[in-house]
PDB file of N, CA and C in Angstrom:
ATOM      1  N   MET A   1       1.005  -1.369   0.049  1.00  0.00           N
ATOM      2  CA  MET A   1      -0.182   0.328   0.356  1.00  0.00           C
ATOM      3  C   MET A   1       1.074   1.224   0.030  1.00  0.00           C
ATOM      4  N   ASN A   2       0.811   2.038  -0.948  1.00  0.00           N
ATOM      5  CA  ASN A   2       1.222   3.045  -0.791  1.00  0.00           C
ATOM      6  C   ASN A   2       0.817   4.594  -0.271  1.00  0.00           C
ATOM      7  N   LYS A   3       0.947   4.986   0.362  1.00  0.00           N
ATOM      8  CA  LYS A   3       0.599   6.400   0.937  1.00  0.00           C
ATOM      9  C   LYS A   3       1.448   7.579  -0.211  1.00  0.00           C
ATOM     10  N   ILE A   4       0.313   8.886  -0.498  1.00  0.00           N
ATOM     11  CA  ILE A   4       0.561   9.952  -1.437  1.00  0.00           C
ATOM     12  C   ILE A   4       0.323  10.935   0.026  1.00  0.00           C
ATOM     13  N   GLU A   5       1.186  11.557   0.157  1.00  0.00           N
ATOM     14  CA  GLU A   5       1.480  12.783   1.534  1.00  0.00           C
ATOM     15  C   GLU A   5       1.911  14.049   0.926  1.00  0.00           C
ATOM     16  N   TYR A   6       1.175  14.728   0.713  1.00  0.00           N
ATOM     17  CA  TYR A   6       1.972  16.523   0.699  1.00  0.00           C
ATOM     18  C   TYR A   6       1.565  17.188   1.983  1.00  0.00           C
ATOM     19  N   ASN A   7       2.456  17.645   2.666  1.00  0.00           N
ATOM     20  CA  ASN A   7       2.747  18.313   3.898  1.00  0.00           C
ATOM     21  C   ASN A   7       3.070  19.666   3.780  1.00  0.00           C
ATOM     22  N   CYS A   8       2.970  20.427   2.840  1.00  0.00           N
ATOM     23  CA  CYS A   8       2.859  21.556   2.991  1.00  0.00           C
ATOM     24  C   CYS A   8       2.170  22.309   3.052  1.00  0.00           C
ATOM     25  N   PHE A   9       2.290  23.831   3.440  1.00  0.00           N
ATOM     26  CA  PHE A   9       1.101  24.726   3.227  1.00  0.00           C
ATOM     27  C   PHE A   9       1.588  26.205   2.387  1.00  0.00           C
ATOM     28  N   ILE A  10       1.459  25.947   1.324  1.00  0.00           N
ATOM     29  CA  ILE A  10       1.974  26.824   0.256  1.00  0.00           C
ATOM     30  C   ILE A  10       0.862  28.141  -0.163  1.00  0.00           C
ATOM     31  N   MET A  11       0.870  29.337  -0.671  1.00  0.00           N
ATOM     32  CA  MET A  11      -0.158  30.077  -1.332  1.00  0.00           C
ATOM     33  C   MET A  11      -0.069  29.636  -2.818  1.00  0.00           C
ATOM     34  N   ASN A  12      -0.930  29.633  -3.654  1.00  0.00           N
ATOM     35  CA  ASN A  12      -0.853  29.823  -4.552  1.00  0.00           C
ATOM     36  C   ASN A  12      -0.976  30.733  -5.259  1.00  0.00           C
ATOM     37  N   LYS A  13      -1.050  31.149  -6.724  1.00  0.00           N
ATOM     38  CA  LYS A  13      -0.938  32.119  -7.950  1.00  0.00           C
ATOM     39  C   LYS A  13      -1.743  32.984  -7.326  1.00  0.00           C
ATOM     40  N   LYS A  14      -3.140  32.736  -6.685  1.00  0.00           N
ATOM     41  CA  LYS A  14      -4.034  33.634  -6.332  1.00  0.00           C
ATOM     42  C   LYS A  14      -4.088  33.807  -4.725  1.00  0.00           C
ATOM     43  N   GLY A  15      -3.229  33.215  -4.314  1.00  0.00           N
ATOM     44  CA  GLY A  15      -2.938  33.924  -2.947  1.00  0.00           C
ATOM     45  C   GLY A  15      -3.639  33.108  -1.612  1.00  0.00           C
ATOM     46  N   ALA A  16      -4.499  31.895  -2.191  1.00  0.00           N
ATOM     47  CA  ALA A  16      -5.400  31.191  -1.473  1.00  0.00           C
ATOM     48  C   ALA A  16      -4.586  30.143  -1.061  1.00  0.00           C
ATOM     49  N   VAL A  17      -4.903  29.794   0.322  1.00  0.00           N
ATOM     50  CA  VAL A  17      -3.829  28.618   0.816  1.00  0.00           C
ATOM     51  C   VAL A  17      -3.889  27.396   0.454  1.00  0.00           C
ATOM     52  N   VAL A  18      -2.958  26.225  -0.295  1.00  0.00           N
ATOM     53  CA  VAL A  18      -3.026  24.979  -0.838  1.00  0.00           C
ATOM     54  C   VAL A  18      -3.568  24.191   0.103  1.00  0.00           C
ATOM     55  N   LYS A  19      -4.325  23.020   0.414  1.00  0.00           N
ATOM     56  CA  LYS A  19      -4.848  22.271   1.443  1.00  0.00           C
ATOM     57  C   LYS A  19      -3.917  21.099   1.431  1.00  0.00           C
ATOM     58  N   THR A  20      -3.467  20.482   2.297  1.00  0.00           N
ATOM     59  CA  THR A  20      -3.097  19.178   2.100  1.00  0.00           C
ATOM     60  C   THR A  20      -3.746  17.717   2.495  1.00  0.00           C
ATOM     61  N   VAL A  21      -3.512  17.149   1.420  1.00  0.00           N
ATOM     62  CA  VAL A  21      -4.630  15.775   1.485  1.00  0.00           C
ATOM     63  C   VAL A  21      -3.897  14.738   1.409  1.00  0.00           C
ATOM     64  N   THR A  22      -4.323  13.763   2.508  1.00  0.00           N
ATOM     65  CA  THR A  22      -2.982  12.326   2.130  1.00  0.00           C
ATOM     66  C   THR A  22      -4.422  11.111   1.980  1.00  0.00           C
ATOM     67  N   MET A  23      -3.983  10.664   1.026  1.00  0.00           N
ATOM     68  CA  MET A  23      -4.685   9.210   0.798  1.00  0.00           C
ATOM     69  C   MET A  23      -4.102   7.953   0.498  1.00  0.00           C
ATOM     70  N   ARG A  24      -4.648   6.889   0.770  1.00  0.00           N
ATOM     71  CA  ARG A  24      -3.577   5.494   1.097  1.00  0.00           C
ATOM     72  C   ARG A  24      -4.143   4.747  -0.517  1.00  0.00           C
ATOM     73  N   VAL A  25      -3.378   4.439  -1.083  1.00  0.00           N
ATOM     74  CA  VAL A  25      -3.772   3.568  -2.433  1.00  0.00           C
ATOM     75  C   VAL A  25      -3.028   2.158  -2.680  1.00  0.00           C
ATOM     76  N   ASP A  26      -3.755   1.203  -3.334  1.00  0.00           N
ATOM     77  CA  ASP A  26      -2.838   0.022  -3.328  1.00  0.00           C
ATOM     78  C   ASP A  26      -1.787   0.413  -4.348  1.00  0.00           C
ATOM     79  N   ASP A  27      -0.863  -0.618  -4.589  1.00  0.00           N
ATOM     80  CA  ASP A  27       0.234  -0.296  -5.374  1.00  0.00           C
ATOM     81  C   ASP A  27       0.156  -0.269  -6.807  1.00  0.00           C
ATOM     82  N   SER A  28      -1.049  -1.048  -7.339  1.00  0.00           N
ATOM     83  CA  SER A  28      -1.298  -1.356  -8.414  1.00  0.00           C
ATOM     84  C   SER A  28      -2.167   0.061  -9.238  1.00  0.00           C
ATOM     85  N   VAL A  29      -3.077   0.764  -8.102  1.00  0.00           N
ATOM     86  CA  VAL A  29      -3.436   2.149  -8.319  1.00  0.00           C
ATOM     87  C   VAL A  29      -2.242   2.942  -8.293  1.00  0.00           C
ATOM     88  N   TYR A  30      -1.392   3.158  -7.675  1.00  0.00           N
ATOM     89  CA  TYR A  30      -0.151   3.911  -7.382  1.00  0.00           C
ATOM     90  C   TYR A  30       0.081   4.060  -8.611  1.00  0.00           C
ATOM     91  N   GLN A  31       0.760   3.028  -9.206  1.00  0.00           N
ATOM     92  CA  GLN A  31       1.311   2.303 -10.422  1.00  0.00           C
ATOM     93  C   GLN A  31       0.301   3.535 -11.113  1.00  0.00           C
ATOM     94  N   MET A  32      -0.554   3.270 -11.474  1.00  0.00           N
ATOM     95  CA  MET A  32      -1.785   3.520 -12.745  1.00  0.00           C
ATOM     96  C   MET A  32      -1.498   5.300 -12.726  1.00  0.00           C
ATOM     97  N   ILE A  33      -1.596   5.622 -11.291  1.00  0.00           N
ATOM     98  CA  ILE A  33      -1.437   7.340 -11.396  1.00  0.00           C
ATOM     99  C   ILE A  33      -0.267   7.574 -11.865  1.00  0.00           C
ATOM    100  N   ALA A  34       0.541   6.895 -11.109  1.00  0.00           N
ATOM    101  CA  ALA A  34       2.191   7.632 -11.542  1.00  0.00           C
ATOM    102  C   ALA A  34       2.328   7.779 -13.069  1.00  0.00           C
ATOM    103  N   LEU A  35       1.950   6.234 -13.836  1.00  0.00           N
ATOM    104  CA  LEU A  35       2.020   6.334 -15.207  1.00  0.00           C
ATOM    105  C   LEU A  35       1.361   7.146 -15.978  1.00  0.00           C
ATOM    106  N   ALA A  36      -0.184   7.302 -15.386  1.00  0.00           N
ATOM    107  CA  ALA A  36      -1.098   8.605 -15.880  1.00  0.00           C
ATOM    108  C   ALA A  36      -0.235  10.095 -15.726  1.00  0.00           C
ATOM    109  N   ALA A  37       0.103  10.303 -14.668  1.00  0.00           N
ATOM    110  CA  ALA A  37       0.785  12.009 -14.540  1.00  0.00           C
ATOM    111  C   ALA A  37       2.109  11.427 -15.597  1.00  0.00           C
ATOM    112  N   SER A  38       2.956  10.740 -15.443  1.00  0.00           N
ATOM    113  CA  SER A  38       3.670  10.903 -16.771  1.00  0.00           C
ATOM    114  C   SER A  38       3.499  11.272 -17.553  1.00  0.00           C
ATOM    115  N   GLY A  39       2.671  10.817 -18.203  1.00  0.00           N
ATOM    116  CA  GLY A  39       1.987  10.669 -19.572  1.00  0.00           C
ATOM    117  C   GLY A  39       1.420  11.853 -19.743  1.00  0.00           C
ATOM    118  N   GLU A  40       1.139  12.727 -19.070  1.00  0.00           N
ATOM    119  CA  GLU A  40       0.654  13.610 -18.905  1.00  0.00           C
ATOM    120  C   GLU A  40       1.412  15.170 -18.687  1.00  0.00           C
ATOM    121  N   ARG A  41       2.837  14.300 -18.369  1.00  0.00           N
ATOM    122  CA  ARG A  41       4.128  15.415 -17.933  1.00  0.00           C
ATOM    123  C   ARG A  41       3.885  16.132 -16.493  1.00  0.00           C
ATOM    124  N   ARG A  42       3.020  15.735 -15.817  1.00  0.00           N
ATOM    125  CA  ARG A  42       2.486  16.176 -14.360  1.00  0.00           C
ATOM    126  C   ARG A  42       2.927  15.542 -13.076  1.00  0.00           C
ATOM    127  N   ASN A  43       3.252  16.075 -12.087  1.00  0.00           N
ATOM    128  CA  ASN A  43       3.819  15.397 -11.236  1.00  0.00           C
ATOM    129  C   ASN A  43       2.419  14.719 -10.160  1.00  0.00           C
ATOM    130  N   ILE A  44       2.748  13.968  -9.704  1.00  0.00           N
ATOM    131  CA  ILE A  44       1.610  12.998  -9.340  1.00  0.00           C
ATOM    132  C   ILE A  44       0.212  13.783  -8.527  1.00  0.00           C
ATOM    133  N   SER A  45       0.920  14.642  -7.778  1.00  0.00           N
ATOM    134  CA  SER A  45      -0.365  15.499  -7.464  1.00  0.00           C
ATOM    135  C   SER A  45      -1.353  16.542  -7.790  1.00  0.00           C
ATOM    136  N   ASN A  46      -0.404  16.962  -9.071  1.00  0.00           N
ATOM    137  CA  ASN A  46      -1.111  17.867 -10.207  1.00  0.00           C
ATOM    138  C   ASN A  46      -1.654  16.964 -11.095  1.00  0.00           C
ATOM    139  N   PHE A  47      -1.321  15.461 -10.622  1.00  0.00           N
ATOM    140  CA  PHE A  47      -2.557  15.040 -11.714  1.00  0.00           C
ATOM    141  C   PHE A  47      -3.530  14.862 -11.463  1.00  0.00           C
ATOM    142  N   ILE A  48      -3.377  14.527 -10.174  1.00  0.00           N
ATOM    143  CA  ILE A  48      -4.588  14.329  -8.836  1.00  0.00           C
ATOM    144  C   ILE A  48      -5.474  15.373  -8.812  1.00  0.00           C
ATOM    145  N   GLU A  49      -5.365  16.188  -8.992  1.00  0.00           N
ATOM    146  CA  GLU A  49      -6.249  17.574  -8.932  1.00  0.00           C
ATOM    147  C   GLU A  49      -6.551  17.693 -10.363  1.00  0.00           C
ATOM    148  N   TYR A  50      -5.672  17.525 -11.342  1.00  0.00           N
ATOM    149  CA  TYR A  50      -6.289  17.790 -12.718  1.00  0.00           C
ATOM    150  C   TYR A  50      -7.489  16.899 -13.127  1.00  0.00           C
ATOM    151  N   ALA A  51      -6.950  15.476 -12.645  1.00  0.00           N
ATOM    152  CA  ALA A  51      -8.149  14.903 -13.278  1.00  0.00           C
ATOM    153  C   ALA A  51      -9.150  14.863 -12.461  1.00  0.00           C
ATOM    154  N   THR A  52      -9.187  15.195 -10.996  1.00  0.00           N
ATOM    155  CA  THR A  52     -10.497  15.303 -10.204  1.00  0.00           C
ATOM    156  C   THR A  52     -11.609  16.331 -11.024  1.00  0.00           C
ATOM    157  N   LEU A  53     -11.135  17.786 -11.127  1.00  0.00           N
ATOM    158  CA  LEU A  53     -11.527  18.346 -11.713  1.00  0.00           C
ATOM    159  C   LEU A  53     -12.363  18.372 -13.047  1.00  0.00           C
ATOM    160  N   GLN A  54     -11.405  17.406 -13.846  1.00  0.00           N
ATOM    161  CA  GLN A  54     -11.953  16.843 -15.204  1.00  0.00           C
ATOM    162  C   GLN A  54     -12.984  16.065 -14.862  1.00  0.00           C
ATOM    163  N   TYR A  55     -12.746  14.987 -14.363  1.00  0.00           N
ATOM    164  CA  TYR A  55     -14.219  14.274 -13.724  1.00  0.00           C
ATOM    165  C   TYR A  55     -15.212  15.296 -13.305  1.00  0.00           C
ATOM    166  N   LEU A  56     -14.906  15.959 -12.219  1.00  0.00           N
ATOM    167  CA  LEU A  56     -16.207  16.593 -11.338  1.00  0.00           C
ATOM    168  C   LEU A  56     -16.978  17.449 -12.934  1.00  0.00           C
ATOM    169  N   SER A  57     -16.342  17.893 -13.410  1.00  0.00           N
ATOM    170  CA  SER A  57     -16.820  19.126 -14.348  1.00  0.00           C
ATOM    171  C   SER A  57     -17.170  18.565 -15.948  1.00  0.00           C
ATOM    172  N   SER A  58     -16.948  17.582 -16.145  1.00  0.00           N
ATOM    173  CA  SER A  58     -17.460  16.671 -16.828  1.00  0.00           C
ATOM    174  C   SER A  58     -18.819  15.668 -16.579  1.00  0.00           C
ATOM    175  N   ALA A  59     -18.577  15.347 -15.583  1.00  0.00           N
ATOM    176  CA  ALA A  59     -19.334  14.047 -15.160  1.00  0.00           C
ATOM    177  C   ALA A  59     -20.684  14.295 -14.139  1.00  0.00           C
ATOM    178  N   GLN A  60     -20.249  15.447 -13.346  1.00  0.00           N
ATOM    179  CA  GLN A  60     -21.277  16.168 -12.041  1.00  0.00           C
ATOM    180  C   GLN A  60     -21.900  17.384 -12.502  1.00  0.00           C
ATOM    181  N   TYR A  61     -21.838  17.904 -13.411  1.00  0.00           N
ATOM    182  CA  TYR A  61     -22.324  19.382 -13.631  1.00  0.00           C
ATOM    183  C   TYR A  61     -22.863  19.578 -15.000  1.00  0.00           C
ATOM    184  N   VAL A  62     -24.082  20.220 -14.597  1.00  0.00           N
ATOM    185  CA  VAL A  62     -24.517  20.688 -16.164  1.00  0.00           C
ATOM    186  C   VAL A  62     -24.310  21.814 -16.334  1.00  0.00           C
ATOM    187  N   ASP A  63     -23.805  22.759 -17.506  1.00  0.00           N
ATOM    188  CA  ASP A  63     -24.199  23.576 -17.981  1.00  0.00           C
ATOM    189  C   ASP A  63     -25.023  24.484 -17.926  1.00  0.00           C
ATOM    190  N   ASN A  64     -25.316  25.979 -18.328  1.00  0.00           N
ATOM    191  CA  ASN A  64     -26.449  26.598 -18.391  1.00  0.00           C
ATOM    192  C   ASN A  64     -27.786  26.178 -19.722  1.00  0.00           C
ATOM    193  N   ALA A  65     -26.893  26.067 -20.644  1.00  0.00           N
ATOM    194  CA  ALA A  65     -27.451  25.552 -21.812  1.00  0.00           C
ATOM    195  C   ALA A  65     -28.259  24.507 -21.839  1.00  0.00           C
ATOM    196  N   GLU A  66     -27.403  23.247 -21.375  1.00  0.00           N
ATOM    197  CA  GLU A  66     -28.088  22.003 -21.253  1.00  0.00           C
ATOM    198  C   GLU A  66     -29.145  21.823 -20.086  1.00  0.00           C
ATOM    199  N   MET A  67     -29.273  22.680 -18.763  1.00  0.00           N
ATOM    200  CA  MET A  67     -30.333  22.553 -18.095  1.00  0.00           C
ATOM    201  C   MET A  67     -31.124  23.165 -18.575  1.00  0.00           C
ATOM    202  N   ALA A  68     -31.190  24.213 -19.751  1.00  0.00           N
ATOM    203  CA  ALA A  68     -32.100  24.852 -20.146  1.00  0.00           C
ATOM    204  C   ALA A  68     -32.901  24.148 -21.466  1.00  0.00           C
ATOM    205  N   GLU A  69     -32.144  23.058 -21.565  1.00  0.00           N
ATOM    206  CA  GLU A  69     -32.390  22.052 -22.979  1.00  0.00           C
ATOM    207  C   GLU A  69     -33.412  21.476 -21.948  1.00  0.00           C
ATOM    208  N   ILE A  70     -32.892  20.555 -20.835  1.00  0.00           N
ATOM    209  CA  ILE A  70     -33.621  19.889 -19.954  1.00  0.00           C
ATOM    210  C   ILE A  70     -34.836  20.351 -19.535  1.00  0.00           C
ATOM    211  N   MET A  71     -34.907  21.558 -19.348  1.00  0.00           N
ATOM    212  CA  MET A  71     -36.180  21.788 -18.497  1.00  0.00           C
ATOM    213  C   MET A  71     -36.975  22.412 -19.657  1.00  0.00           C
ATOM    214  N   THR A  72     -36.703  22.483 -20.643  1.00  0.00           N
ATOM    215  CA  THR A  72     -37.337  22.490 -21.729  1.00  0.00           C
ATOM    216  C   THR A  72     -38.901  20.917 -22.376  1.00  0.00           C
ATOM    217  N   ASP A  73     -37.648  20.319 -21.775  1.00  0.00           N
ATOM    218  CA  ASP A  73     -38.446  18.557 -22.295  1.00  0.00           C
ATOM    219  C   ASP A  73     -39.723  18.425 -21.110  1.00  0.00           C
ATOM    220  N   LYS A  74     -40.702  18.624 -21.399  1.00  0.00           N
ATOM    221  CA  LYS A  74     -41.612  18.609 -19.898  1.00  0.00           C
ATOM    222  C   LYS A  74     -42.216  17.126 -19.763  1.00  0.00           C
ATOM    223  N   GLU A  75     -41.890  16.348 -20.418  1.00  0.00           N
ATOM    224  CA  GLU A  75     -42.054  14.769 -20.319  1.00  0.00           C
ATOM    225  C   GLU A  75     -40.418  14.352 -19.475  1.00  0.00           C
ATOM    226  N   LEU A  76     -39.589  15.129 -19.272  1.00  0.00           N
ATOM    227  CA  LEU A  76     -38.331  14.604 -18.957  1.00  0.00           C
ATOM    228  C   LEU A  76     -38.553  15.111 -16.963  1.00  0.00           C
ATOM    229  N   VAL A  77     -39.450  16.116 -17.552  1.00  0.00           N
ATOM    230  CA  VAL A  77     -39.391  17.301 -16.379  1.00  0.00           C
ATOM    231  C   VAL A  77     -40.126  16.618 -15.105  1.00  0.00           C
ATOM    232  N   GLU A  78     -41.368  16.016 -16.437  1.00  0.00           N
ATOM    233  CA  GLU A  78     -42.292  14.967 -15.334  1.00  0.00           C
ATOM    234  C   GLU A  78     -42.003  13.914 -14.580  1.00  0.00           C
ATOM    235  N   ASN A  79     -41.283  12.911 -15.423  1.00  0.00           N
ATOM    236  CA  ASN A  79     -40.930  11.843 -15.439  1.00  0.00           C
ATOM    237  C   ASN A  79     -39.684  12.037 -13.942  1.00  0.00           C
ATOM    238  N   LEU A  80     -38.894  13.292 -14.311  1.00  0.00           N
ATOM    239  CA  LEU A  80     -37.775  13.422 -12.973  1.00  0.00           C
ATOM    240  C   LEU A  80     -38.644  13.659 -11.578  1.00  0.00           C
ATOM    241  N   LYS A  81     -39.977  14.397 -11.330  1.00  0.00           N
ATOM    242  CA  LYS A  81     -40.554  14.978 -10.533  1.00  0.00           C
ATOM    243  C   LYS A  81     -41.080  13.553  -9.893  1.00  0.00           C
ATOM    244  N   ARG A  82     -41.454  12.731 -10.867  1.00  0.00           N
ATOM    245  CA  ARG A  82     -42.481  11.316 -10.196  1.00  0.00           C
ATOM    246  C   ARG A  82     -41.151  10.901  -9.875  1.00  0.00           C
ATOM    247  N   GLY A  83     -39.722  10.393 -10.113  1.00  0.00           N
ATOM    248  CA  GLY A  83     -38.940   9.606  -9.753  1.00  0.00           C
ATOM    249  C   GLY A  83     -38.589  10.244  -8.310  1.00  0.00           C
ATOM    250  N   PHE A  84     -38.448  11.464  -8.042  1.00  0.00           N
ATOM    251  CA  PHE A  84     -37.893  12.263  -6.875  1.00  0.00           C
ATOM    252  C   PHE A  84     -39.020  11.683  -5.685  1.00  0.00           C
ATOM    253  N   GLU A  85     -40.188  12.333  -5.859  1.00  0.00           N
ATOM    254  CA  GLU A  85     -41.256  11.690  -5.188  1.00  0.00           C
ATOM    255  C   GLU A  85     -41.309   9.762  -4.557  1.00  0.00           C
ATOM    256  N   GLU A  86     -41.124   9.156  -5.868  1.00  0.00           N
ATOM    257  CA  GLU A  86     -40.954   7.818  -5.379  1.00  0.00           C
ATOM    258  C   GLU A  86     -39.806   7.666  -4.642  1.00  0.00           C
ATOM    259  N   VAL A  87     -38.861   8.025  -4.318  1.00  0.00           N
ATOM    260  CA  VAL A  87     -37.858   8.053  -3.888  1.00  0.00           C
ATOM    261  C   VAL A  87     -37.899   8.374  -2.517  1.00  0.00           C
ATOM    262  N   LYS A  88     -38.590   9.694  -2.655  1.00  0.00           N
ATOM    263  CA  LYS A  88     -38.959  10.295  -0.915  1.00  0.00           C
ATOM    264  C   LYS A  88     -39.824   9.464  -0.219  1.00  0.00           C
ATOM    265  N   ASN A  89     -40.710   8.574  -1.189  1.00  0.00           N
ATOM    266  CA  ASN A  89     -41.835   8.012  -0.596  1.00  0.00           C
ATOM    267  C   ASN A  89     -41.417   6.307  -0.200  1.00  0.00           C
ATOM    268  N   GLY A  90     -40.045   5.885  -0.475  1.00  0.00           N
ATOM    269  CA  GLY A  90     -39.325   4.580  -0.583  1.00  0.00           C
ATOM    270  C   GLY A  90     -39.872   3.781  -1.473  1.00  0.00           C
ATOM    271  N   GLU A  91     -40.730   4.418  -2.563  1.00  0.00           N
ATOM    272  CA  GLU A  91     -41.178   3.527  -3.610  1.00  0.00           C
ATOM    273  C   GLU A  91     -40.662   3.089  -4.865  1.00  0.00           C
ATOM    274  N   TYR A  92     -38.791   2.467  -4.358  1.00  0.00           N
ATOM    275  CA  TYR A  92     -37.825   1.975  -5.261  1.00  0.00           C
ATOM    276  C   TYR A  92     -37.487   0.918  -5.001  1.00  0.00           C
ATOM    277  N   THR A  93     -36.814   0.160  -5.871  1.00  0.00           N
ATOM    278  CA  THR A  93     -35.875  -0.809  -6.236  1.00  0.00           C
ATOM    279  C   THR A  93     -34.488  -0.382  -6.896  1.00  0.00           C
ATOM    280  N   ILE A  94     -33.593  -0.580  -5.752  1.00  0.00           N
ATOM    281  CA  ILE A  94     -32.749  -0.532  -6.369  1.00  0.00           C
ATOM    282  C   ILE A  94     -32.019  -2.016  -7.129  1.00  0.00           C
ATOM    283  N   VAL A  95     -31.198  -1.760  -8.190  1.00  0.00           N
ATOM    284  CA  VAL A  95     -31.198  -2.893  -9.016  1.00  0.00           C
ATOM    285  C   VAL A  95     -29.577  -3.079  -9.328  1.00  0.00           C
TER     286      VAL A  95
END
């Protein structure tokens, strides 16, 4: 098990304090991260930050144009509302 740990508190270019993150990963995961970082010509810390931001911005968020498109689809909006109510009422099955 490899432990990735950076214990320095520094200011970034915008004057914000950079936070320290410690994580434990299996050797195989560490090797994958190290290889990917090398392929991107980044250090491991920078690669993890980059990859996390890429994931969060592409997989978790909807931009304004996409949200406007979703909101104009009346059937989709009604299905989402019904699904939310079903979850709230415990009327769902996890498959």
